[in-house]
Amino acid sequence: MKWHHYVGLVAGVFACTWAFNGALSLSPFDVLRTSPATRAFREAATGGPIDLAPLTVDRIRAVAETVGRPFTPQELDFFQFQGEPYFIAYVPPAASESAPWRNFDIAAATSLHIDRQYVLVSALRPDAGTFTRFENERMWDVARAAKPGVAMQDAVWLNEYDAYYYSQDGRRSLPVLRIRYADPRQTWLYLDPQRGVIASRMERSSRWNRWLYHGFYSLDFPFMYYKRPLWDIILLSLGGIAMSVTSALPAWRRLARLGKASRGRWSPRRRSGVPVVDGKTASRATPRTAEMSE
């Protein structure tokens, strides 16, 4: 019970944070909610509504021919960047690979193909050949279009993950351009030049939510997130096992004592009226026996 008490003081902290995180998953506080995306933000990378008119059969065939030079594609993913149509093609998986390949859109393809070879091709200029990333200046144009009229506090190209743009298995693109704006919501944008998208948008509220919800729920704190197996077992798994063992053992002992007491209470000799003391039948002289002895 002493060990159960001490383990509970430590593991109970995480149980309380999980309960708190469960409440946060319902978004009860407006201060932790991200503001709705503006039209300027939604169209900063695409350059406006999707226009499929330039996608003629001849151009698509020319794109497939260009992509087929480095490898034979099995599919082409269309996306629009700053008003121009592009295609991205990935090296197809081998027959031995069993990963669930699902390409619903460019964002889904990014998480599935991040570690695979790929090429980009312009649908308007397929004869220009393939490339693997957009120019830095074009990403600066996206940053300015996402928050028009808002000053940039600072900007930096990240070659490593930070506390808000990260991935334990390294499946998020690098490098990315991080822009911090001087707006009331203190917006941060992470721009991916490899796919021509805004990879992440963080506001002051979402950064708080990152620590209060994702941090305490997933324990993705920088000092331990990449240190395995510390992140997997040390704090939660071993704590849960210790709580279970230190509670199961006293419970078993108590049940064993109750079982012994129950057997003694309902023994046949006790039901017949013969007193039992320490598991032995007590001798008791009747009044008639006493008179005869006199």
C-alpha atoms as a PDB file:
ATOM      1  CA  MET A   1       0.000   0.000   0.000  1.00  0.00           C
ATOM      2  CA  LYS A   2       2.916   2.334   0.664  1.00  0.00           C
ATOM      3  CA  TRP A   3       4.302   1.777  -2.849  1.00  0.00           C
ATOM      4  CA  HIS A   4       0.812   2.086  -4.305  1.00  0.00           C
ATOM      5  CA  HIS A   5       0.506   5.448  -2.573  1.00  0.00           C
ATOM      6  CA  TYR A   6       3.826   6.781  -3.847  1.00  0.00           C
ATOM      7  CA  VAL A   7       3.351   5.468  -7.381  1.00  0.00           C
ATOM      8  CA  GLY A   8      -0.121   6.983  -7.408  1.00  0.00           C
ATOM      9  CA  LEU A   9       1.282  10.388  -6.498  1.00  0.00           C
ATOM     10  CA  VAL A  10       3.429  10.278  -9.639  1.00  0.00           C
ATOM     11  CA  ALA A  11       1.238   8.387 -12.107  1.00  0.00           C
ATOM     12  CA  GLY A  12      -1.845  10.185 -10.828  1.00  0.00           C
ATOM     13  CA  VAL A  13      -0.476  13.430 -12.223  1.00  0.00           C
ATOM     14  CA  PHE A  14      -0.652  11.974 -15.735  1.00  0.00           C
ATOM     15  CA  ALA A  15      -4.126  10.587 -15.069  1.00  0.00           C
ATOM     16  CA  CYS A  16      -5.264  14.092 -14.148  1.00  0.00           C
ATOM     17  CA  THR A  17      -3.667  15.611 -17.250  1.00  0.00           C
ATOM     18  CA  TRP A  18      -5.379  12.994 -19.444  1.00  0.00           C
ATOM     19  CA  ALA A  19      -8.725  13.888 -17.863  1.00  0.00           C
ATOM     20  CA  PHE A  20      -7.979  17.559 -18.486  1.00  0.00           C
ATOM     21  CA  ASN A  21      -7.026  16.782 -22.091  1.00  0.00           C
ATOM     22  CA  GLY A  22     -10.303  14.942 -22.541  1.00  0.00           C
ATOM     23  CA  ALA A  23     -12.100  18.137 -21.573  1.00  0.00           C
ATOM     24  CA  LEU A  24      -9.944  20.193 -23.959  1.00  0.00           C
ATOM     25  CA  SER A  25     -10.821  17.856 -26.852  1.00  0.00           C
ATOM     26  CA  LEU A  26     -14.350  19.283 -26.658  1.00  0.00           C
ATOM     27  CA  SER A  27     -12.951  22.809 -27.268  1.00  0.00           C
ATOM     28  CA  PRO A  28     -14.691  24.425 -24.285  1.00  0.00           C
ATOM     29  CA  PHE A  29     -12.495  27.544 -24.268  1.00  0.00           C
ATOM     30  CA  ASP A  30     -12.627  30.095 -27.074  1.00  0.00           C
ATOM     31  CA  VAL A  31      -9.143  31.326 -26.195  1.00  0.00           C
ATOM     32  CA  LEU A  32      -7.674  27.994 -27.359  1.00  0.00           C
ATOM     33  CA  ARG A  33      -9.472  27.935 -30.709  1.00  0.00           C
ATOM     34  CA  THR A  34      -7.802  28.872 -33.975  1.00  0.00           C
ATOM     35  CA  SER A  35      -9.564  31.591 -35.923  1.00  0.00           C
ATOM     36  CA  PRO A  36     -11.246  30.632 -39.226  1.00  0.00           C
ATOM     37  CA  ALA A  37      -8.974  30.811 -42.246  1.00  0.00           C
ATOM     38  CA  THR A  38      -9.480  33.889 -44.385  1.00  0.00           C
ATOM     39  CA  ARG A  39      -9.943  33.743 -48.144  1.00  0.00           C
ATOM     40  CA  ALA A  40      -6.535  35.353 -48.613  1.00  0.00           C
ATOM     41  CA  PHE A  41      -4.950  32.557 -46.590  1.00  0.00           C
ATOM     42  CA  ARG A  42      -6.829  29.798 -48.411  1.00  0.00           C
ATOM     43  CA  GLU A  43      -5.822  31.126 -51.831  1.00  0.00           C
ATOM     44  CA  ALA A  44      -2.308  32.319 -50.997  1.00  0.00           C
ATOM     45  CA  ALA A  45      -0.653  29.175 -52.328  1.00  0.00           C
ATOM     46  CA  THR A  46      -3.161  28.207 -55.028  1.00  0.00           C
ATOM     47  CA  GLY A  47      -3.491  31.763 -56.371  1.00  0.00           C
ATOM     48  CA  GLY A  48      -7.275  31.565 -56.531  1.00  0.00           C
ATOM     49  CA  PRO A  49      -9.955  28.997 -57.362  1.00  0.00           C
ATOM     50  CA  ILE A  50      -8.797  25.839 -59.113  1.00  0.00           C
ATOM     51  CA  ASP A  51      -8.855  26.243 -62.902  1.00  0.00           C
ATOM     52  CA  LEU A  52      -8.892  22.999 -64.909  1.00  0.00           C
ATOM     53  CA  ALA A  53      -9.236  24.654 -68.309  1.00  0.00           C
ATOM     54  CA  PRO A  54      -5.491  24.517 -69.127  1.00  0.00           C
ATOM     55  CA  LEU A  55      -5.417  20.732 -68.606  1.00  0.00           C
ATOM     56  CA  THR A  56      -5.752  19.552 -72.167  1.00  0.00           C
ATOM     57  CA  VAL A  57      -5.141  15.963 -73.217  1.00  0.00           C
ATOM     58  CA  ASP A  58      -1.986  16.919 -75.093  1.00  0.00           C
ATOM     59  CA  ARG A  59      -0.533  18.723 -72.086  1.00  0.00           C
ATOM     60  CA  ILE A  60      -1.262  15.806 -69.736  1.00  0.00           C
ATOM     61  CA  ARG A  61       0.417  13.425 -72.196  1.00  0.00           C
ATOM     62  CA  ALA A  62       3.409  15.742 -72.400  1.00  0.00           C
ATOM     63  CA  VAL A  63       3.626  15.823 -68.594  1.00  0.00           C
ATOM     64  CA  ALA A  64       3.507  12.006 -68.420  1.00  0.00           C
ATOM     65  CA  GLU A  65       6.266  11.802 -71.023  1.00  0.00           C
ATOM     66  CA  THR A  66       8.449  14.244 -69.082  1.00  0.00           C
ATOM     67  CA  VAL A  67       7.901  12.409 -65.802  1.00  0.00           C
ATOM     68  CA  GLY A  68       8.653   9.099 -67.496  1.00  0.00           C
ATOM     69  CA  ARG A  69      12.276  10.066 -68.084  1.00  0.00           C
ATOM     70  CA  PRO A  70      13.518   9.533 -64.488  1.00  0.00           C
ATOM     71  CA  PHE A  71      10.990   6.774 -63.665  1.00  0.00           C
ATOM     72  CA  THR A  72       7.720   5.283 -64.904  1.00  0.00           C
ATOM     73  CA  PRO A  73       4.830   6.871 -62.990  1.00  0.00           C
ATOM     74  CA  GLN A  74       1.628   5.071 -62.121  1.00  0.00           C
ATOM     75  CA  GLU A  75      -0.291   8.217 -61.263  1.00  0.00           C
ATOM     76  CA  LEU A  76      -0.044  11.992 -61.500  1.00  0.00           C
ATOM     77  CA  ASP A  77      -1.355  14.268 -58.748  1.00  0.00           C
ATOM     78  CA  PHE A  78      -2.634  17.648 -59.893  1.00  0.00           C
ATOM     79  CA  PHE A  79      -2.325  20.813 -57.828  1.00  0.00           C
ATOM     80  CA  GLN A  80      -2.337  24.544 -58.465  1.00  0.00           C
ATOM     81  CA  PHE A  81       0.360  26.943 -57.297  1.00  0.00           C
ATOM     82  CA  GLN A  82      -0.016  30.697 -57.675  1.00  0.00           C
ATOM     83  CA  GLY A  83      -2.582  30.303 -60.421  1.00  0.00           C
ATOM     84  CA  GLU A  84      -0.556  27.802 -62.482  1.00  0.00           C
ATOM     85  CA  PRO A  85      -1.329  24.068 -62.852  1.00  0.00           C
ATOM     86  CA  TYR A  86       1.322  21.552 -61.843  1.00  0.00           C
ATOM     87  CA  PHE A  87       1.648  17.820 -61.481  1.00  0.00           C
ATOM     88  CA  ILE A  88       3.606  15.870 -58.907  1.00  0.00           C
ATOM     89  CA  ALA A  89       4.606  12.241 -59.420  1.00  0.00           C
ATOM     90  CA  TYR A  90       6.176   9.837 -56.942  1.00  0.00           C
ATOM     91  CA  VAL A  91       8.237   6.734 -57.512  1.00  0.00           C
ATOM     92  CA  PRO A  92       5.619   3.975 -57.274  1.00  0.00           C
ATOM     93  CA  PRO A  93       5.908   1.547 -54.353  1.00  0.00           C
ATOM     94  CA  ALA A  94       7.387  -1.863 -54.968  1.00  0.00           C
ATOM     95  CA  ALA A  95       5.199  -4.938 -54.849  1.00  0.00           C
ATOM     96  CA  SER A  96       6.757  -5.926 -51.527  1.00  0.00           C
ATOM     97  CA  GLU A  97       5.631  -2.697 -49.825  1.00  0.00           C
ATOM     98  CA  SER A  98       2.362  -3.020 -47.940  1.00  0.00           C
ATOM     99  CA  ALA A  99       1.787   0.570 -46.799  1.00  0.00           C
ATOM    100  CA  PRO A 100      -1.775   1.854 -47.293  1.00  0.00           C
ATOM    101  CA  TRP A 101      -1.316   4.146 -50.298  1.00  0.00           C
ATOM    102  CA  ARG A 102      -4.162   6.655 -50.448  1.00  0.00           C
ATOM    103  CA  ASN A 103      -3.886   9.844 -52.504  1.00  0.00           C
ATOM    104  CA  PHE A 104      -7.015  11.846 -51.849  1.00  0.00           C
ATOM    105  CA  ASP A 105      -5.256  15.177 -52.352  1.00  0.00           C
ATOM    106  CA  ILE A 106      -1.840  16.766 -52.262  1.00  0.00           C
ATOM    107  CA  ALA A 107      -1.871  17.035 -48.453  1.00  0.00           C
ATOM    108  CA  ALA A 108      -2.630  13.317 -48.027  1.00  0.00           C
ATOM    109  CA  ALA A 109       0.029  12.428 -50.589  1.00  0.00           C
ATOM    110  CA  THR A 110       2.557  14.532 -48.693  1.00  0.00           C
ATOM    111  CA  SER A 111       2.304  12.430 -45.525  1.00  0.00           C
ATOM    112  CA  LEU A 112       2.447   9.162 -47.453  1.00  0.00           C
ATOM    113  CA  HIS A 113       5.216   9.980 -49.913  1.00  0.00           C
ATOM    114  CA  ILE A 114       7.419  12.280 -47.890  1.00  0.00           C
ATOM    115  CA  ASP A 115      10.354   9.868 -47.914  1.00  0.00           C
ATOM    116  CA  ARG A 116      10.011   8.869 -51.596  1.00  0.00           C
ATOM    117  CA  GLN A 117      11.597  10.287 -54.703  1.00  0.00           C
ATOM    118  CA  TYR A 118       9.314  12.669 -56.586  1.00  0.00           C
ATOM    119  CA  VAL A 119       9.333  15.241 -59.372  1.00  0.00           C
ATOM    120  CA  LEU A 120       7.264  18.323 -60.196  1.00  0.00           C
ATOM    121  CA  VAL A 121       6.239  19.318 -63.707  1.00  0.00           C
ATOM    122  CA  SER A 122       4.473  22.427 -64.956  1.00  0.00           C
ATOM    123  CA  ALA A 123       1.362  21.595 -66.959  1.00  0.00           C
ATOM    124  CA  LEU A 124       1.847  24.765 -69.039  1.00  0.00           C
ATOM    125  CA  ARG A 125       5.556  24.157 -69.702  1.00  0.00           C
ATOM    126  CA  PRO A 126       6.217  20.408 -69.568  1.00  0.00           C
ATOM    127  CA  ASP A 127       9.128  20.814 -71.964  1.00  0.00           C
ATOM    128  CA  ALA A 128      10.966  22.774 -69.213  1.00  0.00           C
ATOM    129  CA  GLY A 129      11.599  19.464 -67.485  1.00  0.00           C
ATOM    130  CA  THR A 130      11.184  18.290 -63.912  1.00  0.00           C
ATOM    131  CA  PHE A 131      12.175  19.978 -60.659  1.00  0.00           C
ATOM    132  CA  THR A 132      11.825  19.167 -56.960  1.00  0.00           C
ATOM    133  CA  ARG A 133      11.024  22.496 -55.272  1.00  0.00           C
ATOM    134  CA  PHE A 134       9.797  26.004 -55.967  1.00  0.00           C
ATOM    135  CA  GLU A 135      12.052  29.017 -55.825  1.00  0.00           C
ATOM    136  CA  ASN A 136      12.477  30.809 -52.496  1.00  0.00           C
ATOM    137  CA  GLU A 137      11.153  34.086 -53.897  1.00  0.00           C
ATOM    138  CA  ARG A 138       7.886  32.429 -54.873  1.00  0.00           C
ATOM    139  CA  MET A 139       7.431  31.192 -51.312  1.00  0.00           C
ATOM    140  CA  TRP A 140       7.972  34.758 -50.105  1.00  0.00           C
ATOM    141  CA  ASP A 141       5.150  35.781 -52.468  1.00  0.00           C
ATOM    142  CA  VAL A 142       2.908  33.194 -50.811  1.00  0.00           C
ATOM    143  CA  ALA A 143       3.818  34.552 -47.378  1.00  0.00           C
ATOM    144  CA  ARG A 144       2.883  38.090 -48.399  1.00  0.00           C
ATOM    145  CA  ALA A 145      -0.369  36.974 -50.030  1.00  0.00           C
ATOM    146  CA  ALA A 146      -1.453  34.942 -46.977  1.00  0.00           C
ATOM    147  CA  LYS A 147      -1.489  38.021 -44.699  1.00  0.00           C
ATOM    148  CA  PRO A 148      -1.828  41.081 -46.955  1.00  0.00           C
ATOM    149  CA  GLY A 149      -0.930  44.327 -45.290  1.00  0.00           C
ATOM    150  CA  VAL A 150       0.446  42.607 -42.158  1.00  0.00           C
ATOM    151  CA  ALA A 151       4.060  43.184 -41.208  1.00  0.00           C
ATOM    152  CA  MET A 152       6.377  40.233 -40.747  1.00  0.00           C
ATOM    153  CA  GLN A 153       8.065  40.123 -37.368  1.00  0.00           C
ATOM    154  CA  ASP A 154      10.766  37.723 -38.563  1.00  0.00           C
ATOM    155  CA  ALA A 155      11.338  34.909 -41.049  1.00  0.00           C
ATOM    156  CA  VAL A 156      13.761  32.012 -41.162  1.00  0.00           C
ATOM    157  CA  TRP A 157      14.366  28.872 -43.189  1.00  0.00           C
ATOM    158  CA  LEU A 158      14.213  25.835 -40.895  1.00  0.00           C
ATOM    159  CA  ASN A 159      16.363  22.825 -41.694  1.00  0.00           C
ATOM    160  CA  GLU A 160      15.353  21.122 -38.445  1.00  0.00           C
ATOM    161  CA  TYR A 161      12.045  20.771 -36.637  1.00  0.00           C
ATOM    162  CA  ASP A 162      11.081  23.245 -33.944  1.00  0.00           C
ATOM    163  CA  ALA A 163       8.623  22.926 -31.054  1.00  0.00           C
ATOM    164  CA  TYR A 164       5.559  23.532 -33.262  1.00  0.00           C
ATOM    165  CA  TYR A 165       6.520  21.994 -36.584  1.00  0.00           C
ATOM    166  CA  TYR A 166       7.831  18.528 -35.833  1.00  0.00           C
ATOM    167  CA  SER A 167       7.509  14.815 -36.549  1.00  0.00           C
ATOM    168  CA  GLN A 168       8.924  11.927 -34.563  1.00  0.00           C
ATOM    169  CA  ASP A 169       9.374   9.748 -37.643  1.00  0.00           C
ATOM    170  CA  GLY A 170      10.641  12.625 -39.787  1.00  0.00           C
ATOM    171  CA  ARG A 171       7.709  12.497 -42.218  1.00  0.00           C
ATOM    172  CA  ARG A 172       7.229  16.256 -42.530  1.00  0.00           C
ATOM    173  CA  SER A 173       9.036  18.218 -45.212  1.00  0.00           C
ATOM    174  CA  LEU A 174      12.226  20.135 -44.575  1.00  0.00           C
ATOM    175  CA  PRO A 175      13.350  22.799 -45.150  1.00  0.00           C
ATOM    176  CA  VAL A 176      10.368  25.060 -44.527  1.00  0.00           C
ATOM    177  CA  LEU A 177      10.029  28.824 -44.374  1.00  0.00           C
ATOM    178  CA  ARG A 178       8.707  29.976 -40.990  1.00  0.00           C
ATOM    179  CA  ILE A 179       7.088  33.404 -40.990  1.00  0.00           C
ATOM    180  CA  ARG A 180       6.061  35.117 -37.748  1.00  0.00           C
ATOM    181  CA  TYR A 181       3.628  37.990 -38.282  1.00  0.00           C
ATOM    182  CA  ALA A 182       3.058  41.060 -36.113  1.00  0.00           C
ATOM    183  CA  ASP A 183      -0.729  40.664 -36.065  1.00  0.00           C
ATOM    184  CA  PRO A 184      -2.914  40.590 -32.905  1.00  0.00           C
ATOM    185  CA  ARG A 185      -3.200  36.767 -33.066  1.00  0.00           C
ATOM    186  CA  GLN A 186       0.581  36.379 -33.455  1.00  0.00           C
ATOM    187  CA  THR A 187       0.267  34.089 -36.474  1.00  0.00           C
ATOM    188  CA  TRP A 188       3.054  31.758 -37.559  1.00  0.00           C
ATOM    189  CA  LEU A 189       3.103  30.124 -40.992  1.00  0.00           C
ATOM    190  CA  TYR A 190       5.261  27.239 -42.167  1.00  0.00           C
ATOM    191  CA  LEU A 191       5.641  27.164 -45.976  1.00  0.00           C
ATOM    192  CA  ASP A 192       6.776  24.014 -47.780  1.00  0.00           C
ATOM    193  CA  PRO A 193       8.650  24.772 -51.048  1.00  0.00           C
ATOM    194  CA  GLN A 194       8.779  21.087 -52.004  1.00  0.00           C
ATOM    195  CA  ARG A 195       5.005  20.908 -52.484  1.00  0.00           C
ATOM    196  CA  GLY A 196       4.132  24.571 -52.762  1.00  0.00           C
ATOM    197  CA  VAL A 197       1.752  24.555 -49.801  1.00  0.00           C
ATOM    198  CA  ILE A 198       1.329  26.192 -46.421  1.00  0.00           C
ATOM    199  CA  ALA A 199       2.222  23.213 -44.275  1.00  0.00           C
ATOM    200  CA  SER A 200       1.031  24.639 -40.951  1.00  0.00           C
ATOM    201  CA  ARG A 201      -0.628  27.675 -39.414  1.00  0.00           C
ATOM    202  CA  MET A 202      -0.156  28.425 -35.734  1.00  0.00           C
ATOM    203  CA  GLU A 203      -1.694  31.232 -33.718  1.00  0.00           C
ATOM    204  CA  ARG A 204      -1.116  32.167 -30.104  1.00  0.00           C
ATOM    205  CA  SER A 205      -4.189  30.129 -29.139  1.00  0.00           C
ATOM    206  CA  SER A 206      -3.139  27.054 -31.097  1.00  0.00           C
ATOM    207  CA  ARG A 207       0.367  27.233 -29.623  1.00  0.00           C
ATOM    208  CA  TRP A 208      -1.151  27.171 -26.143  1.00  0.00           C
ATOM    209  CA  ASN A 209      -3.340  24.273 -27.245  1.00  0.00           C
ATOM    210  CA  ARG A 210      -0.272  22.491 -28.562  1.00  0.00           C
ATOM    211  CA  TRP A 211       1.238  22.391 -25.056  1.00  0.00           C
ATOM    212  CA  LEU A 212      -1.914  21.942 -22.970  1.00  0.00           C
ATOM    213  CA  TYR A 213      -3.566  19.318 -25.166  1.00  0.00           C
ATOM    214  CA  HIS A 214      -1.063  17.618 -27.462  1.00  0.00           C
ATOM    215  CA  GLY A 215       1.871  18.113 -25.115  1.00  0.00           C
ATOM    216  CA  PHE A 216       0.334  16.532 -22.027  1.00  0.00           C
ATOM    217  CA  TYR A 217      -1.715  13.970 -23.950  1.00  0.00           C
ATOM    218  CA  SER A 218       0.996  12.683 -26.285  1.00  0.00           C
ATOM    219  CA  LEU A 219       3.980  13.745 -24.142  1.00  0.00           C
ATOM    220  CA  ASP A 220       5.568  15.275 -27.235  1.00  0.00           C
ATOM    221  CA  PHE A 221       7.830  17.572 -25.268  1.00  0.00           C
ATOM    222  CA  PRO A 222      11.120  18.327 -27.066  1.00  0.00           C
ATOM    223  CA  PHE A 223      13.325  17.005 -24.238  1.00  0.00           C
ATOM    224  CA  MET A 224      11.847  13.484 -24.517  1.00  0.00           C
ATOM    225  CA  TYR A 225       9.845  13.248 -27.755  1.00  0.00           C
ATOM    226  CA  TYR A 226      12.767  11.944 -29.797  1.00  0.00           C
ATOM    227  CA  LYS A 227      14.319   9.838 -27.009  1.00  0.00           C
ATOM    228  CA  ARG A 228      12.998   6.342 -27.424  1.00  0.00           C
ATOM    229  CA  PRO A 229      12.195   4.148 -25.545  1.00  0.00           C
ATOM    230  CA  LEU A 230      11.915   6.869 -22.887  1.00  0.00           C
ATOM    231  CA  TRP A 231       8.962   8.427 -24.722  1.00  0.00           C
ATOM    232  CA  ASP A 232       7.227   5.038 -25.060  1.00  0.00           C
ATOM    233  CA  ILE A 233       7.471   3.327 -21.700  1.00  0.00           C
ATOM    234  CA  ILE A 234       9.257   5.075 -18.866  1.00  0.00           C
ATOM    235  CA  LEU A 235       6.572   7.449 -17.636  1.00  0.00           C
ATOM    236  CA  LEU A 236       3.268   5.882 -18.608  1.00  0.00           C
ATOM    237  CA  SER A 237       3.691   2.167 -19.273  1.00  0.00           C
ATOM    238  CA  LEU A 238       5.841   1.433 -16.231  1.00  0.00           C
ATOM    239  CA  GLY A 239       3.706   3.704 -14.095  1.00  0.00           C
ATOM    240  CA  GLY A 240       0.548   1.902 -15.175  1.00  0.00           C
ATOM    241  CA  ILE A 241       2.104  -1.507 -14.502  1.00  0.00           C
ATOM    242  CA  ALA A 242       3.286  -0.405 -11.059  1.00  0.00           C
ATOM    243  CA  MET A 243      -0.160   0.949 -10.202  1.00  0.00           C
ATOM    244  CA  SER A 244      -1.786  -2.315 -11.300  1.00  0.00           C
ATOM    245  CA  VAL A 245       0.614  -4.573  -9.392  1.00  0.00           C
ATOM    246  CA  THR A 246       0.600  -2.542  -6.178  1.00  0.00           C
ATOM    247  CA  SER A 247      -3.200  -2.475  -6.168  1.00  0.00           C
ATOM    248  CA  ALA A 248      -3.774  -6.087  -7.246  1.00  0.00           C
ATOM    249  CA  LEU A 249      -1.496  -7.619  -4.578  1.00  0.00           C
ATOM    250  CA  PRO A 250      -3.156  -5.977  -1.520  1.00  0.00           C
ATOM    251  CA  ALA A 251      -6.543  -6.711  -3.038  1.00  0.00           C
ATOM    252  CA  TRP A 252      -5.665 -10.392  -3.411  1.00  0.00           C
ATOM    253  CA  ARG A 253      -4.455 -10.569   0.193  1.00  0.00           C
ATOM    254  CA  ARG A 254      -7.627  -8.959   1.463  1.00  0.00           C
ATOM    255  CA  LEU A 255      -9.796 -11.318  -0.545  1.00  0.00           C
ATOM    256  CA  ALA A 256      -7.820 -14.254   0.846  1.00  0.00           C
ATOM    257  CA  ARG A 257      -8.439 -13.093   4.435  1.00  0.00           C
ATOM    258  CA  LEU A 258     -12.123 -12.593   3.750  1.00  0.00           C
ATOM    259  CA  GLY A 259     -12.278 -16.071   2.244  1.00  0.00           C
ATOM    260  CA  LYS A 260     -10.783 -17.661   5.362  1.00  0.00           C
ATOM    261  CA  ALA A 261     -13.078 -15.702   7.660  1.00  0.00           C
ATOM    262  CA  SER A 262     -16.069 -16.654   5.545  1.00  0.00           C
ATOM    263  CA  ARG A 263     -15.208 -20.353   5.690  1.00  0.00           C
ATOM    264  CA  GLY A 264     -14.900 -20.197   9.474  1.00  0.00           C
ATOM    265  CA  ARG A 265     -18.162 -18.265   9.876  1.00  0.00           C
ATOM    266  CA  TRP A 266     -20.199 -20.720   7.809  1.00  0.00           C
ATOM    267  CA  SER A 267     -18.570 -23.987   8.963  1.00  0.00           C
ATOM    268  CA  PRO A 268     -20.990 -26.908   9.859  1.00  0.00           C
ATOM    269  CA  ARG A 269     -19.972 -26.885  13.538  1.00  0.00           C
ATOM    270  CA  ARG A 270     -20.836 -23.196  13.889  1.00  0.00           C
ATOM    271  CA  ARG A 271     -24.215 -23.694  12.216  1.00  0.00           C
ATOM    272  CA  SER A 272     -24.975 -26.565  14.667  1.00  0.00           C
ATOM    273  CA  GLY A 273     -24.549 -24.252  17.641  1.00  0.00           C
ATOM    274  CA  VAL A 274     -21.158 -25.571  18.774  1.00  0.00           C
ATOM    275  CA  PRO A 275     -18.862 -22.608  19.390  1.00  0.00           C
ATOM    276  CA  VAL A 276     -15.622 -22.512  17.498  1.00  0.00           C
ATOM    277  CA  VAL A 277     -12.576 -20.794  18.975  1.00  0.00           C
ATOM    278  CA  ASP A 278      -9.562 -20.338  16.761  1.00  0.00           C
ATOM    279  CA  GLY A 279     -10.821 -23.007  14.408  1.00  0.00           C
ATOM    280  CA  LYS A 280     -11.328 -25.610  17.264  1.00  0.00           C
ATOM    281  CA  THR A 281     -14.557 -26.810  18.800  1.00  0.00           C
ATOM    282  CA  ALA A 282     -14.971 -25.491  22.383  1.00  0.00           C
ATOM    283  CA  SER A 283     -16.155 -27.903  25.063  1.00  0.00           C
ATOM    284  CA  ARG A 284     -19.203 -26.791  27.019  1.00  0.00           C
ATOM    285  CA  ALA A 285     -20.773 -28.646  29.959  1.00  0.00           C
ATOM    286  CA  THR A 286     -24.555 -28.752  30.117  1.00  0.00           C
ATOM    287  CA  PRO A 287     -26.364 -28.036  33.426  1.00  0.00           C
ATOM    288  CA  ARG A 288     -27.400 -31.720  33.808  1.00  0.00           C
ATOM    289  CA  THR A 289     -23.831 -32.887  33.415  1.00  0.00           C
ATOM    290  CA  ALA A 290     -22.783 -30.482  36.136  1.00  0.00           C
ATOM    291  CA  GLU A 291     -25.407 -31.832  38.594  1.00  0.00           C
ATOM    292  CA  MET A 292     -24.320 -35.441  37.971  1.00  0.00           C
ATOM    293  CA  SER A 293     -20.740 -34.539  38.645  1.00  0.00           C
ATOM    294  CA  GLU A 294     -21.692 -33.060  42.012  1.00  0.00           C
END
